[in-house]
Amino acid sequence: MKTNKTDDIKIVNTTKNDWDKVIWLFEKAMEQNGKNGYKVWTEIDKYGLEKDIENQLQYKIVQNDNVLCIFSIQYNDPFIWRDKDKNDAIYLHRIVVNTAFKGQNQFEKVMNWAKQHARQNALKFIRMDTWADNEKIIDYYKSFGFEFIENYQTTNSTELPIQNRNLNVALLEMELND
């Protein structure tokens, strides 16, 4: 009997024990995506990642003891979404796919989890941001049902992760309809 690969995955919080793996995933993604001509983070916001892990806001997709992908969530993002942030959304951030598992629909797994999580928490939207000048990734996210809302130039606020300061981002939103 053939096993469906998505049947045996689990999505769980990362822990302090995952720290080295989290940093390694970021470093590999930055290296690989940079080689492929994609815009990548220039720094890893280690403080922000530590806070995400500590506050149980970072998750990992695991299959057969392999970490396929990591991502962080927030329930508020006022520095980027400003007046649209009304406690009615889950915000996806820092999605990093293990380069060994690229091309295996990791983002689809993140989205399936995010939709279920949002509905369980009575949230109406899934939101995310990405580099405004990366049409390829914007189109990719739109293929999952996200709508482009606007481009926004972030501030230099220390409240923002290092990689999100002074950045021109595209804001993307998916309304959840039951």
N, C-alpha and C. Protein backbone atom coordinates (compact mmCIF):
# COMPACT_ATOMS: atom_id res chain seq x y z
N MET A 1 0.84 -1.19 0.00
CA MET A 1 0.00 0.00 0.00
C MET A 1 0.88 1.24 0.00
N LYS A 2 0.58 2.17 -0.91
CA LYS A 2 1.36 3.39 -1.01
C LYS A 2 0.87 4.41 0.02
N THR A 3 1.81 5.02 0.70
CA THR A 3 1.46 6.01 1.72
C THR A 3 1.48 7.40 1.11
N ASN A 4 0.46 8.17 1.37
CA ASN A 4 0.43 9.55 0.92
C ASN A 4 1.41 10.34 1.79
N LYS A 5 2.33 11.03 1.16
CA LYS A 5 3.38 11.73 1.90
C LYS A 5 2.82 12.75 2.89
N THR A 6 1.69 13.36 2.56
CA THR A 6 1.15 14.37 3.47
C THR A 6 0.44 13.75 4.66
N ASP A 7 0.13 12.46 4.59
CA ASP A 7 -0.58 11.81 5.69
C ASP A 7 0.27 11.69 6.94
N ASP A 8 1.57 11.56 6.79
CA ASP A 8 2.40 11.32 7.95
C ASP A 8 3.22 12.53 8.39
N ILE A 9 2.79 13.70 7.99
CA ILE A 9 3.47 14.90 8.47
C ILE A 9 2.82 15.36 9.76
N LYS A 10 3.59 16.11 10.53
CA LYS A 10 3.00 16.76 11.69
C LYS A 10 3.54 18.18 11.74
N ILE A 11 2.71 19.07 12.22
CA ILE A 11 3.08 20.48 12.36
C ILE A 11 3.00 20.79 13.84
N VAL A 12 4.16 21.09 14.41
CA VAL A 12 4.28 21.31 15.85
C VAL A 12 5.17 22.52 16.10
N ASN A 13 5.08 23.04 17.31
CA ASN A 13 5.95 24.16 17.68
C ASN A 13 7.41 23.74 17.68
N THR A 14 8.26 24.68 17.29
CA THR A 14 9.69 24.47 17.48
C THR A 14 9.99 24.70 18.96
N THR A 15 11.13 24.20 19.40
CA THR A 15 11.56 24.38 20.79
C THR A 15 13.00 24.88 20.79
N LYS A 16 13.49 25.19 21.97
CA LYS A 16 14.89 25.61 22.09
C LYS A 16 15.84 24.54 21.53
N ASN A 17 15.44 23.29 21.62
CA ASN A 17 16.27 22.21 21.09
C ASN A 17 16.41 22.26 19.57
N ASP A 18 15.53 23.01 18.90
CA ASP A 18 15.57 23.13 17.44
C ASP A 18 16.43 24.30 16.97
N TRP A 19 17.00 25.07 17.90
CA TRP A 19 17.68 26.32 17.56
C TRP A 19 18.72 26.16 16.44
N ASP A 20 19.62 25.22 16.58
CA ASP A 20 20.67 25.05 15.57
C ASP A 20 20.07 24.72 14.21
N LYS A 21 19.04 23.91 14.19
CA LYS A 21 18.37 23.55 12.93
C LYS A 21 17.69 24.76 12.31
N VAL A 22 17.04 25.58 13.13
CA VAL A 22 16.37 26.79 12.65
C VAL A 22 17.38 27.71 11.98
N ILE A 23 18.49 27.97 12.65
CA ILE A 23 19.52 28.85 12.09
C ILE A 23 20.09 28.25 10.81
N TRP A 24 20.35 26.96 10.82
CA TRP A 24 20.88 26.28 9.63
C TRP A 24 19.91 26.42 8.46
N LEU A 25 18.60 26.25 8.71
CA LEU A 25 17.61 26.39 7.64
C LEU A 25 17.62 27.79 7.05
N PHE A 26 17.69 28.81 7.90
CA PHE A 26 17.76 30.18 7.41
C PHE A 26 19.01 30.39 6.58
N GLU A 27 20.14 29.94 7.08
CA GLU A 27 21.41 30.13 6.36
C GLU A 27 21.38 29.44 5.00
N LYS A 28 20.88 28.21 4.96
CA LYS A 28 20.80 27.47 3.69
C LYS A 28 19.84 28.15 2.72
N ALA A 29 18.70 28.59 3.21
CA ALA A 29 17.73 29.26 2.34
C ALA A 29 18.31 30.55 1.78
N MET A 30 18.99 31.32 2.62
CA MET A 30 19.59 32.57 2.17
C MET A 30 20.65 32.29 1.10
N GLU A 31 21.44 31.28 1.33
CA GLU A 31 22.50 30.92 0.38
C GLU A 31 21.92 30.43 -0.95
N GLN A 32 20.99 29.49 -0.88
CA GLN A 32 20.42 28.89 -2.09
C GLN A 32 19.60 29.88 -2.89
N ASN A 33 18.71 30.61 -2.22
CA ASN A 33 17.86 31.55 -2.93
C ASN A 33 18.66 32.70 -3.50
N GLY A 34 19.70 33.13 -2.80
CA GLY A 34 20.57 34.17 -3.32
C GLY A 34 21.27 33.72 -4.59
N LYS A 35 21.71 32.48 -4.63
CA LYS A 35 22.35 31.92 -5.83
C LYS A 35 21.38 31.88 -7.01
N ASN A 36 20.11 31.66 -6.71
CA ASN A 36 19.11 31.56 -7.77
C ASN A 36 18.55 32.91 -8.19
N GLY A 37 19.11 33.99 -7.65
CA GLY A 37 18.69 35.32 -8.05
C GLY A 37 17.48 35.87 -7.33
N TYR A 38 17.01 35.18 -6.31
CA TYR A 38 15.88 35.68 -5.54
C TYR A 38 16.38 36.64 -4.47
N LYS A 39 15.52 37.58 -4.14
CA LYS A 39 15.84 38.48 -3.04
C LYS A 39 15.76 37.67 -1.74
N VAL A 40 16.75 37.84 -0.88
CA VAL A 40 16.79 37.08 0.37
C VAL A 40 17.10 38.01 1.53
N TRP A 41 16.84 37.52 2.73
CA TRP A 41 17.21 38.26 3.91
C TRP A 41 18.73 38.45 3.92
N THR A 42 19.17 39.58 4.40
CA THR A 42 20.61 39.81 4.51
C THR A 42 21.10 39.52 5.92
N GLU A 43 20.17 39.45 6.86
CA GLU A 43 20.52 39.15 8.25
C GLU A 43 19.46 38.21 8.83
N ILE A 44 19.87 37.47 9.82
CA ILE A 44 18.92 36.64 10.56
C ILE A 44 18.61 37.36 11.86
N ASP A 45 17.35 37.61 12.10
CA ASP A 45 16.92 38.27 13.33
C ASP A 45 16.84 37.22 14.44
N LYS A 46 17.98 36.92 15.03
CA LYS A 46 18.03 35.85 16.04
C LYS A 46 17.17 36.17 17.26
N TYR A 47 17.16 37.43 17.66
CA TYR A 47 16.33 37.82 18.80
C TYR A 47 14.85 37.54 18.49
N GLY A 48 14.40 37.92 17.30
CA GLY A 48 13.02 37.68 16.90
C GLY A 48 12.68 36.20 16.85
N LEU A 49 13.61 35.41 16.34
CA LEU A 49 13.40 33.96 16.28
C LEU A 49 13.32 33.36 17.68
N GLU A 50 14.20 33.81 18.56
CA GLU A 50 14.16 33.33 19.95
C GLU A 50 12.82 33.64 20.58
N LYS A 51 12.32 34.85 20.35
CA LYS A 51 11.02 35.25 20.90
C LYS A 51 9.89 34.39 20.32
N ASP A 52 9.95 34.15 19.00
CA ASP A 52 8.92 33.30 18.38
C ASP A 52 8.90 31.92 19.02
N ILE A 53 10.08 31.33 19.21
CA ILE A 53 10.16 30.00 19.82
C ILE A 53 9.65 30.05 21.27
N GLU A 54 10.13 31.04 22.02
CA GLU A 54 9.73 31.18 23.42
C GLU A 54 8.22 31.36 23.57
N ASN A 55 7.61 32.14 22.66
CA ASN A 55 6.18 32.42 22.73
C ASN A 55 5.33 31.41 21.96
N GLN A 56 5.96 30.34 21.52
CA GLN A 56 5.28 29.27 20.77
C GLN A 56 4.57 29.81 19.53
N LEU A 57 5.27 30.68 18.81
CA LEU A 57 4.74 31.25 17.58
C LEU A 57 5.49 30.75 16.34
N GLN A 58 6.46 29.87 16.55
CA GLN A 58 7.15 29.28 15.41
C GLN A 58 6.80 27.79 15.35
N TYR A 59 6.58 27.33 14.13
CA TYR A 59 6.18 25.95 13.90
C TYR A 59 7.14 25.28 12.92
N LYS A 60 7.14 23.96 12.96
CA LYS A 60 7.92 23.18 12.01
C LYS A 60 7.03 22.09 11.43
N ILE A 61 7.25 21.81 10.16
CA ILE A 61 6.60 20.68 9.51
C ILE A 61 7.61 19.55 9.55
N VAL A 62 7.21 18.44 10.16
CA VAL A 62 8.11 17.31 10.37
C VAL A 62 7.55 16.07 9.69
N GLN A 63 8.44 15.33 9.06
CA GLN A 63 8.08 14.04 8.46
C GLN A 63 9.27 13.11 8.62
N ASN A 64 9.05 11.97 9.23
CA ASN A 64 10.13 10.99 9.44
C ASN A 64 11.36 11.63 10.08
N ASP A 65 11.16 12.42 11.09
CA ASP A 65 12.23 13.11 11.82
C ASP A 65 12.97 14.16 11.00
N ASN A 66 12.48 14.48 9.80
CA ASN A 66 13.06 15.55 8.99
C ASN A 66 12.23 16.82 9.14
N VAL A 67 12.89 17.95 9.33
CA VAL A 67 12.20 19.23 9.35
C VAL A 67 12.12 19.71 7.91
N LEU A 68 10.90 19.75 7.38
CA LEU A 68 10.68 20.12 5.98
C LEU A 68 10.60 21.62 5.80
N CYS A 69 10.08 22.31 6.81
CA CYS A 69 9.79 23.73 6.68
C CYS A 69 9.57 24.30 8.08
N ILE A 70 9.88 25.57 8.23
CA ILE A 70 9.54 26.29 9.46
C ILE A 70 8.81 27.58 9.07
N PHE A 71 7.99 28.06 9.98
CA PHE A 71 7.29 29.33 9.75
C PHE A 71 6.87 29.89 11.10
N SER A 72 6.69 31.20 11.10
CA SER A 72 6.22 31.88 12.31
C SER A 72 4.86 32.51 12.04
N ILE A 73 4.12 32.71 13.11
CA ILE A 73 2.83 33.38 13.01
C ILE A 73 2.78 34.52 14.01
N GLN A 74 1.87 35.42 13.76
CA GLN A 74 1.53 36.49 14.70
C GLN A 74 0.02 36.65 14.63
N TYR A 75 -0.52 37.26 15.65
CA TYR A 75 -1.94 37.57 15.66
C TYR A 75 -2.16 39.07 15.51
N ASN A 76 -1.10 39.82 15.53
CA ASN A 76 -1.13 41.26 15.29
C ASN A 76 0.11 41.64 14.51
N ASP A 77 -0.02 42.62 13.63
CA ASP A 77 1.12 43.12 12.87
C ASP A 77 0.89 44.60 12.56
N PRO A 78 0.77 45.42 13.62
CA PRO A 78 0.38 46.82 13.43
C PRO A 78 1.43 47.67 12.72
N PHE A 79 2.69 47.28 12.76
CA PHE A 79 3.72 48.12 12.15
C PHE A 79 3.72 47.98 10.63
N ILE A 80 3.20 46.90 10.12
CA ILE A 80 3.13 46.72 8.67
C ILE A 80 1.69 46.89 8.17
N TRP A 81 0.72 46.35 8.91
CA TRP A 81 -0.66 46.39 8.44
C TRP A 81 -1.44 47.59 8.97
N ARG A 82 -0.88 48.31 9.92
CA ARG A 82 -1.43 49.56 10.43
C ARG A 82 -2.93 49.44 10.77
N ASP A 83 -3.78 50.28 10.18
CA ASP A 83 -5.20 50.31 10.56
C ASP A 83 -5.99 49.07 10.11
N LYS A 84 -5.42 48.25 9.26
CA LYS A 84 -6.09 47.01 8.85
C LYS A 84 -5.96 45.92 9.92
N ASP A 85 -5.04 46.12 10.86
CA ASP A 85 -4.82 45.14 11.92
C ASP A 85 -5.90 45.32 12.98
N LYS A 86 -6.89 44.43 12.96
CA LYS A 86 -8.05 44.55 13.86
C LYS A 86 -8.31 43.27 14.64
N ASN A 87 -7.25 42.55 14.98
CA ASN A 87 -7.38 41.30 15.76
C ASN A 87 -8.25 40.26 15.07
N ASP A 88 -8.25 40.27 13.74
CA ASP A 88 -9.10 39.32 13.02
C ASP A 88 -8.32 38.48 12.00
N ALA A 89 -6.99 38.40 12.21
CA ALA A 89 -6.16 37.70 11.21
C ALA A 89 -5.02 36.94 11.87
N ILE A 90 -4.55 35.95 11.14
CA ILE A 90 -3.29 35.30 11.45
C ILE A 90 -2.31 35.80 10.39
N TYR A 91 -1.12 36.15 10.83
CA TYR A 91 -0.08 36.67 9.94
C TYR A 91 1.02 35.63 9.82
N LEU A 92 1.33 35.24 8.59
CA LEU A 92 2.40 34.28 8.33
C LEU A 92 3.71 35.03 8.09
N HIS A 93 4.77 34.57 8.72
CA HIS A 93 6.08 35.21 8.58
C HIS A 93 7.18 34.16 8.53
N ARG A 94 8.30 34.57 7.99
CA ARG A 94 9.55 33.79 8.05
C ARG A 94 9.35 32.33 7.63
N ILE A 95 8.74 32.15 6.49
CA ILE A 95 8.53 30.80 5.97
C ILE A 95 9.82 30.36 5.30
N VAL A 96 10.39 29.29 5.81
CA VAL A 96 11.67 28.79 5.29
C VAL A 96 11.51 27.30 5.00
N VAL A 97 11.73 26.95 3.74
CA VAL A 97 11.64 25.55 3.32
C VAL A 97 13.05 24.96 3.33
N ASN A 98 13.16 23.79 3.92
CA ASN A 98 14.42 23.05 3.88
C ASN A 98 14.74 22.78 2.41
N THR A 99 15.91 23.20 1.96
CA THR A 99 16.25 23.08 0.54
C THR A 99 16.21 21.63 0.05
N ALA A 100 16.39 20.67 0.94
CA ALA A 100 16.32 19.26 0.55
C ALA A 100 14.88 18.82 0.23
N PHE A 101 13.90 19.66 0.61
CA PHE A 101 12.50 19.29 0.41
C PHE A 101 11.75 20.31 -0.43
N LYS A 102 12.46 21.15 -1.16
CA LYS A 102 11.82 22.10 -2.07
C LYS A 102 11.09 21.34 -3.16
N GLY A 103 10.02 21.94 -3.66
CA GLY A 103 9.26 21.31 -4.74
C GLY A 103 8.30 20.24 -4.25
N GLN A 104 8.10 20.16 -2.94
CA GLN A 104 7.20 19.14 -2.38
C GLN A 104 5.99 19.78 -1.68
N ASN A 105 5.61 20.95 -2.16
CA ASN A 105 4.38 21.62 -1.70
C ASN A 105 4.38 21.97 -0.22
N GLN A 106 5.49 22.43 0.30
CA GLN A 106 5.55 22.80 1.72
C GLN A 106 4.62 23.97 2.02
N PHE A 107 4.56 24.97 1.12
CA PHE A 107 3.69 26.12 1.38
C PHE A 107 2.22 25.70 1.43
N GLU A 108 1.84 24.75 0.62
CA GLU A 108 0.47 24.25 0.67
C GLU A 108 0.17 23.65 2.05
N LYS A 109 1.14 22.97 2.63
CA LYS A 109 0.97 22.40 3.97
C LYS A 109 0.83 23.51 5.01
N VAL A 110 1.64 24.56 4.86
CA VAL A 110 1.52 25.72 5.75
C VAL A 110 0.13 26.32 5.63
N MET A 111 -0.34 26.48 4.40
CA MET A 111 -1.65 27.10 4.18
C MET A 111 -2.79 26.24 4.74
N ASN A 112 -2.73 24.95 4.54
CA ASN A 112 -3.78 24.08 5.10
C ASN A 112 -3.83 24.22 6.62
N TRP A 113 -2.65 24.24 7.25
CA TRP A 113 -2.59 24.41 8.69
C TRP A 113 -3.13 25.79 9.08
N ALA A 114 -2.70 26.84 8.37
CA ALA A 114 -3.09 28.22 8.71
C ALA A 114 -4.60 28.41 8.59
N LYS A 115 -5.20 27.85 7.56
CA LYS A 115 -6.66 27.96 7.40
C LYS A 115 -7.38 27.30 8.57
N GLN A 116 -6.95 26.10 8.91
CA GLN A 116 -7.58 25.39 10.02
C GLN A 116 -7.38 26.15 11.33
N HIS A 117 -6.17 26.62 11.56
CA HIS A 117 -5.86 27.35 12.79
C HIS A 117 -6.67 28.65 12.88
N ALA A 118 -6.77 29.36 11.77
CA ALA A 118 -7.53 30.61 11.75
C ALA A 118 -9.01 30.35 12.05
N ARG A 119 -9.56 29.34 11.43
CA ARG A 119 -10.98 29.02 11.67
C ARG A 119 -11.22 28.60 13.12
N GLN A 120 -10.30 27.80 13.67
CA GLN A 120 -10.45 27.37 15.06
C GLN A 120 -10.39 28.55 16.03
N ASN A 121 -9.74 29.63 15.60
CA ASN A 121 -9.60 30.81 16.45
C ASN A 121 -10.49 31.96 16.00
N ALA A 122 -11.49 31.66 15.18
CA ALA A 122 -12.48 32.63 14.70
C ALA A 122 -11.84 33.85 14.04
N LEU A 123 -10.80 33.62 13.25
CA LEU A 123 -10.13 34.70 12.53
C LEU A 123 -10.64 34.72 11.09
N LYS A 124 -10.76 35.92 10.52
CA LYS A 124 -11.35 36.07 9.20
C LYS A 124 -10.34 36.11 8.06
N PHE A 125 -9.06 36.36 8.39
CA PHE A 125 -8.07 36.56 7.33
C PHE A 125 -6.77 35.82 7.62
N ILE A 126 -6.08 35.47 6.55
CA ILE A 126 -4.68 35.08 6.61
C ILE A 126 -3.94 36.17 5.85
N ARG A 127 -2.91 36.72 6.47
CA ARG A 127 -2.17 37.81 5.84
C ARG A 127 -0.68 37.50 5.84
N MET A 128 -0.01 38.09 4.87
CA MET A 128 1.44 37.96 4.81
C MET A 128 2.00 39.12 4.01
N ASP A 129 3.30 39.30 4.10
CA ASP A 129 3.96 40.30 3.28
C ASP A 129 5.20 39.67 2.68
N THR A 130 5.63 40.25 1.57
CA THR A 130 6.84 39.80 0.90
C THR A 130 7.44 40.98 0.16
N TRP A 131 8.62 40.78 -0.41
CA TRP A 131 9.27 41.86 -1.14
C TRP A 131 8.39 42.32 -2.29
N ALA A 132 8.17 43.64 -2.37
CA ALA A 132 7.28 44.20 -3.38
C ALA A 132 7.83 44.01 -4.80
N ASP A 133 9.14 43.91 -4.94
CA ASP A 133 9.71 43.80 -6.28
C ASP A 133 9.95 42.35 -6.72
N ASN A 134 9.35 41.40 -6.03
CA ASN A 134 9.49 40.00 -6.41
C ASN A 134 8.16 39.48 -6.95
N GLU A 135 7.89 39.81 -8.21
CA GLU A 135 6.61 39.43 -8.83
C GLU A 135 6.39 37.92 -8.83
N LYS A 136 7.46 37.17 -8.98
CA LYS A 136 7.33 35.70 -9.05
C LYS A 136 6.74 35.15 -7.75
N ILE A 137 7.25 35.59 -6.61
CA ILE A 137 6.74 35.08 -5.33
C ILE A 137 5.34 35.63 -5.05
N ILE A 138 5.09 36.88 -5.46
CA ILE A 138 3.75 37.46 -5.28
C ILE A 138 2.73 36.64 -6.08
N ASP A 139 3.07 36.34 -7.33
CA ASP A 139 2.17 35.53 -8.16
C ASP A 139 1.98 34.13 -7.57
N TYR A 140 3.05 33.58 -7.00
CA TYR A 140 2.96 32.26 -6.36
C TYR A 140 1.95 32.30 -5.22
N TYR A 141 2.06 33.30 -4.35
CA TYR A 141 1.12 33.41 -3.23
C TYR A 141 -0.30 33.67 -3.72
N LYS A 142 -0.44 34.47 -4.77
CA LYS A 142 -1.77 34.72 -5.33
C LYS A 142 -2.39 33.43 -5.88
N SER A 143 -1.56 32.50 -6.34
CA SER A 143 -2.10 31.23 -6.86
C SER A 143 -2.76 30.40 -5.75
N PHE A 144 -2.49 30.74 -4.50
CA PHE A 144 -3.12 30.07 -3.36
C PHE A 144 -4.38 30.80 -2.89
N GLY A 145 -4.71 31.91 -3.55
CA GLY A 145 -5.91 32.65 -3.20
C GLY A 145 -5.67 33.97 -2.50
N PHE A 146 -4.42 34.35 -2.31
CA PHE A 146 -4.13 35.65 -1.71
C PHE A 146 -4.44 36.75 -2.71
N GLU A 147 -4.91 37.87 -2.18
CA GLU A 147 -5.13 39.06 -2.99
C GLU A 147 -4.08 40.09 -2.62
N PHE A 148 -3.58 40.79 -3.63
CA PHE A 148 -2.65 41.89 -3.40
C PHE A 148 -3.44 43.06 -2.83
N ILE A 149 -2.99 43.61 -1.70
CA ILE A 149 -3.67 44.73 -1.07
C ILE A 149 -2.99 46.05 -1.43
N GLU A 150 -1.69 46.12 -1.17
CA GLU A 150 -0.94 47.35 -1.49
C GLU A 150 0.55 47.10 -1.26
N ASN A 151 1.35 48.02 -1.78
CA ASN A 151 2.76 48.06 -1.42
C ASN A 151 2.91 49.04 -0.27
N TYR A 152 3.85 48.77 0.61
CA TYR A 152 4.06 49.63 1.77
C TYR A 152 5.54 49.69 2.09
N GLN A 153 6.02 50.89 2.37
CA GLN A 153 7.42 51.09 2.78
C GLN A 153 7.46 51.06 4.31
N THR A 154 8.15 50.06 4.86
CA THR A 154 8.22 49.94 6.31
C THR A 154 9.13 51.01 6.90
N THR A 155 9.00 51.21 8.18
CA THR A 155 9.82 52.19 8.88
C THR A 155 11.09 51.52 9.39
N ASN A 156 11.87 52.26 10.14
CA ASN A 156 13.09 51.73 10.75
C ASN A 156 12.85 51.37 12.22
N SER A 157 11.61 51.15 12.59
CA SER A 157 11.25 50.88 13.98
C SER A 157 11.95 49.63 14.51
N THR A 158 12.46 49.74 15.72
CA THR A 158 13.08 48.57 16.37
C THR A 158 12.03 47.52 16.74
N GLU A 159 10.76 47.87 16.64
CA GLU A 159 9.69 46.90 16.87
C GLU A 159 9.59 45.89 15.73
N LEU A 160 10.14 46.26 14.57
CA LEU A 160 10.13 45.36 13.42
C LEU A 160 11.35 44.46 13.43
N PRO A 161 11.21 43.24 12.93
CA PRO A 161 12.40 42.40 12.77
C PRO A 161 13.42 43.11 11.88
N ILE A 162 14.68 42.85 12.10
CA ILE A 162 15.76 43.52 11.36
C ILE A 162 15.51 43.46 9.86
N GLN A 163 15.14 42.29 9.35
CA GLN A 163 14.99 42.13 7.91
C GLN A 163 13.77 42.84 7.35
N ASN A 164 12.90 43.37 8.20
CA ASN A 164 11.69 44.06 7.73
C ASN A 164 11.78 45.58 7.85
N ARG A 165 12.93 46.10 8.22
CA ARG A 165 13.06 47.55 8.38
C ARG A 165 13.44 48.22 7.06
N ASN A 166 12.81 49.38 6.81
CA ASN A 166 13.08 50.16 5.60
C ASN A 166 12.94 49.30 4.34
N LEU A 167 11.88 48.57 4.28
CA LEU A 167 11.68 47.61 3.21
C LEU A 167 10.39 47.92 2.46
N ASN A 168 10.42 47.81 1.15
CA ASN A 168 9.21 47.97 0.35
C ASN A 168 8.56 46.60 0.23
N VAL A 169 7.40 46.43 0.86
CA VAL A 169 6.75 45.13 0.90
C VAL A 169 5.39 45.17 0.20
N ALA A 170 5.01 44.02 -0.31
CA ALA A 170 3.68 43.81 -0.86
C ALA A 170 2.86 43.14 0.23
N LEU A 171 1.69 43.69 0.50
CA LEU A 171 0.79 43.11 1.50
C LEU A 171 -0.23 42.23 0.78
N LEU A 172 -0.36 41.01 1.27
CA LEU A 172 -1.24 40.01 0.66
C LEU A 172 -2.22 39.49 1.71
N GLU A 173 -3.44 39.27 1.28
CA GLU A 173 -4.49 38.87 2.22
C GLU A 173 -5.40 37.82 1.58
N MET A 174 -5.81 36.88 2.41
CA MET A 174 -6.81 35.89 2.01
C MET A 174 -7.96 35.96 3.00
N GLU A 175 -9.15 36.21 2.49
CA GLU A 175 -10.32 36.19 3.36
C GLU A 175 -10.84 34.76 3.42
N LEU A 176 -11.11 34.31 4.62
CA LEU A 176 -11.62 32.96 4.81
C LEU A 176 -13.14 32.98 4.77
N ASN A 177 -13.68 32.25 3.85
CA ASN A 177 -15.13 32.13 3.72
C ASN A 177 -15.52 30.72 4.12
N ASP A 178 -16.48 30.61 5.00
CA ASP A 178 -16.92 29.27 5.43
C ASP A 178 -17.92 28.68 4.50
